[in-house]
Amino acid sequence: MTTTDATTRQRLADALREGPATASALSRSVGVPRSVVYDHLRHVARSLDGTDERFLVAPPECADCGFNDYEDPVNYPSRCPECRSENVEEAAFKIE
């Protein structure tokens, strides 16, 4: 299958097999809005169930207080629930 024939989810999965990436980086490389990337990532993670590959997530982290215990790591929080800072680093995703 050529790159032009691949679906958005296939292109995202291929990019994550190459190395870790944030939703913003994936958005730029695949050409879809960041909010859409998160929806696709949830489906990519589910599609790996029952395979020998794993969908790994380094959760978002507050740059001010270090909080990283978010309920949904496949998301981009607008602010830290602990200190209310808006300086939250994006989660990184990877398939290995």
C-alpha atoms as a PDB file:
ATOM      1  CA  MET A   1       0.000   0.000   0.000  1.00  0.00           C
ATOM      2  CA  THR A   2       1.418   3.387  -0.924  1.00  0.00           C
ATOM      3  CA  THR A   3       1.353   6.354   1.435  1.00  0.00           C
ATOM      4  CA  THR A   4      -1.397   8.012  -0.601  1.00  0.00           C
ATOM      5  CA  ASP A   5      -3.568   4.883  -0.297  1.00  0.00           C
ATOM      6  CA  ALA A   6      -3.135   4.588   3.481  1.00  0.00           C
ATOM      7  CA  THR A   7      -5.904   5.779   5.754  1.00  0.00           C
ATOM      8  CA  THR A   8      -5.276   8.503   8.305  1.00  0.00           C
ATOM      9  CA  ARG A   9      -5.174   5.889  11.083  1.00  0.00           C
ATOM     10  CA  GLN A  10      -2.684   3.769   9.162  1.00  0.00           C
ATOM     11  CA  ARG A  11      -0.452   6.800   8.577  1.00  0.00           C
ATOM     12  CA  LEU A  12      -0.657   7.694  12.296  1.00  0.00           C
ATOM     13  CA  ALA A  13       0.208   4.124  13.318  1.00  0.00           C
ATOM     14  CA  ASP A  14       3.140   4.062  10.883  1.00  0.00           C
ATOM     15  CA  ALA A  15       4.440   7.362  12.283  1.00  0.00           C
ATOM     16  CA  LEU A  16       4.180   6.021  15.851  1.00  0.00           C
ATOM     17  CA  ARG A  17       6.091   2.880  14.888  1.00  0.00           C
ATOM     18  CA  GLU A  18       8.980   5.119  13.795  1.00  0.00           C
ATOM     19  CA  GLY A  19       9.214   6.782  17.218  1.00  0.00           C
ATOM     20  CA  PRO A  20       7.379   8.793  19.858  1.00  0.00           C
ATOM     21  CA  ALA A  21       5.355  11.809  18.772  1.00  0.00           C
ATOM     22  CA  THR A  22       2.913  14.321  20.228  1.00  0.00           C
ATOM     23  CA  ALA A  23      -0.523  14.953  18.772  1.00  0.00           C
ATOM     24  CA  SER A  24       0.687  18.300  17.409  1.00  0.00           C
ATOM     25  CA  ALA A  25       3.582  16.654  15.587  1.00  0.00           C
ATOM     26  CA  LEU A  26       1.286  13.942  14.232  1.00  0.00           C
ATOM     27  CA  SER A  27      -1.196  16.597  13.151  1.00  0.00           C
ATOM     28  CA  ARG A  28       1.476  18.344  11.096  1.00  0.00           C
ATOM     29  CA  SER A  29       2.874  15.157   9.564  1.00  0.00           C
ATOM     30  CA  VAL A  30      -0.491  13.598   8.663  1.00  0.00           C
ATOM     31  CA  GLY A  31      -2.321  16.829   7.843  1.00  0.00           C
ATOM     32  CA  VAL A  32      -5.352  16.625  10.126  1.00  0.00           C
ATOM     33  CA  PRO A  33      -6.370  18.878  13.053  1.00  0.00           C
ATOM     34  CA  ARG A  34      -4.922  18.001  16.470  1.00  0.00           C
ATOM     35  CA  SER A  35      -8.402  17.371  17.921  1.00  0.00           C
ATOM     36  CA  VAL A  36      -9.021  14.754  15.213  1.00  0.00           C
ATOM     37  CA  VAL A  37      -5.672  13.080  15.951  1.00  0.00           C
ATOM     38  CA  TYR A  38      -6.825  12.250  19.494  1.00  0.00           C
ATOM     39  CA  ASP A  39      -9.955  10.502  18.167  1.00  0.00           C
ATOM     40  CA  HIS A  40      -7.872   8.490  15.710  1.00  0.00           C
ATOM     41  CA  LEU A  41      -5.317   7.570  18.387  1.00  0.00           C
ATOM     42  CA  ARG A  42      -8.027   5.980  20.524  1.00  0.00           C
ATOM     43  CA  HIS A  43      -9.002   3.782  17.571  1.00  0.00           C
ATOM     44  CA  VAL A  44      -5.378   2.943  16.776  1.00  0.00           C
ATOM     45  CA  ALA A  45      -4.886   1.845  20.403  1.00  0.00           C
ATOM     46  CA  ARG A  46      -7.967  -0.396  20.249  1.00  0.00           C
ATOM     47  CA  SER A  47      -6.887  -1.898  16.937  1.00  0.00           C
ATOM     48  CA  LEU A  48      -3.658  -3.115  18.560  1.00  0.00           C
ATOM     49  CA  ASP A  49      -5.530  -5.225  21.134  1.00  0.00           C
ATOM     50  CA  GLY A  50      -4.732  -8.879  20.520  1.00  0.00           C
ATOM     51  CA  THR A  51      -1.558  -8.100  18.570  1.00  0.00           C
ATOM     52  CA  ASP A  52       2.057  -8.274  19.655  1.00  0.00           C
ATOM     53  CA  GLU A  53       2.346  -4.462  19.479  1.00  0.00           C
ATOM     54  CA  ARG A  54       1.679  -2.064  22.345  1.00  0.00           C
ATOM     55  CA  PHE A  55       0.346   1.489  22.279  1.00  0.00           C
ATOM     56  CA  LEU A  56       2.397   3.450  24.813  1.00  0.00           C
ATOM     57  CA  VAL A  57       1.561   6.859  26.272  1.00  0.00           C
ATOM     58  CA  ALA A  58       3.801   9.244  28.173  1.00  0.00           C
ATOM     59  CA  PRO A  59       1.030  11.293  29.845  1.00  0.00           C
ATOM     60  CA  PRO A  60       0.773  15.074  29.673  1.00  0.00           C
ATOM     61  CA  GLU A  61       2.739  16.803  32.400  1.00  0.00           C
ATOM     62  CA  CYS A  62       2.408  20.181  34.061  1.00  0.00           C
ATOM     63  CA  ALA A  63       5.626  22.105  33.472  1.00  0.00           C
ATOM     64  CA  ASP A  64       5.068  24.118  36.658  1.00  0.00           C
ATOM     65  CA  CYS A  65       4.248  21.503  39.322  1.00  0.00           C
ATOM     66  CA  GLY A  66       5.022  18.198  37.568  1.00  0.00           C
ATOM     67  CA  PHE A  67       1.493  16.759  37.866  1.00  0.00           C
ATOM     68  CA  ASN A  68       0.986  13.887  35.394  1.00  0.00           C
ATOM     69  CA  ASP A  69      -1.796  11.729  36.858  1.00  0.00           C
ATOM     70  CA  TYR A  70      -4.475  12.633  34.318  1.00  0.00           C
ATOM     71  CA  GLU A  71      -7.534  10.386  34.065  1.00  0.00           C
ATOM     72  CA  ASP A  72      -7.347  10.250  30.261  1.00  0.00           C
ATOM     73  CA  PRO A  73      -3.755  10.441  29.020  1.00  0.00           C
ATOM     74  CA  VAL A  74      -4.959  10.385  25.386  1.00  0.00           C
ATOM     75  CA  ASN A  75      -6.147  13.944  25.716  1.00  0.00           C
ATOM     76  CA  TYR A  76      -4.720  17.440  25.872  1.00  0.00           C
ATOM     77  CA  PRO A  77      -5.828  19.149  29.091  1.00  0.00           C
ATOM     78  CA  SER A  78      -6.188  22.908  28.931  1.00  0.00           C
ATOM     79  CA  ARG A  79      -4.834  23.350  32.450  1.00  0.00           C
ATOM     80  CA  CYS A  80      -3.374  21.433  35.357  1.00  0.00           C
ATOM     81  CA  PRO A  81      -6.006  20.206  37.845  1.00  0.00           C
ATOM     82  CA  GLU A  82      -3.480  20.533  40.662  1.00  0.00           C
ATOM     83  CA  CYS A  83      -2.067  24.059  40.291  1.00  0.00           C
ATOM     84  CA  ARG A  84      -4.349  25.430  37.521  1.00  0.00           C
ATOM     85  CA  SER A  85      -1.362  26.326  35.341  1.00  0.00           C
ATOM     86  CA  GLU A  86      -1.947  26.358  31.593  1.00  0.00           C
ATOM     87  CA  ASN A  87       1.675  25.330  31.017  1.00  0.00           C
ATOM     88  CA  VAL A  88       0.929  21.654  30.300  1.00  0.00           C
ATOM     89  CA  GLU A  89       3.204  19.657  28.017  1.00  0.00           C
ATOM     90  CA  GLU A  90       1.533  17.339  25.505  1.00  0.00           C
ATOM     91  CA  ALA A  91       1.435  13.586  25.876  1.00  0.00           C
ATOM     92  CA  ALA A  92       3.762  11.556  23.675  1.00  0.00           C
ATOM     93  CA  PHE A  93       2.600   8.391  21.944  1.00  0.00           C
ATOM     94  CA  LYS A  94       4.466   5.408  20.544  1.00  0.00           C
ATOM     95  CA  ILE A  95       3.818   1.952  19.152  1.00  0.00           C
ATOM     96  CA  GLU A  96       6.362  -0.734  19.943  1.00  0.00           C
END
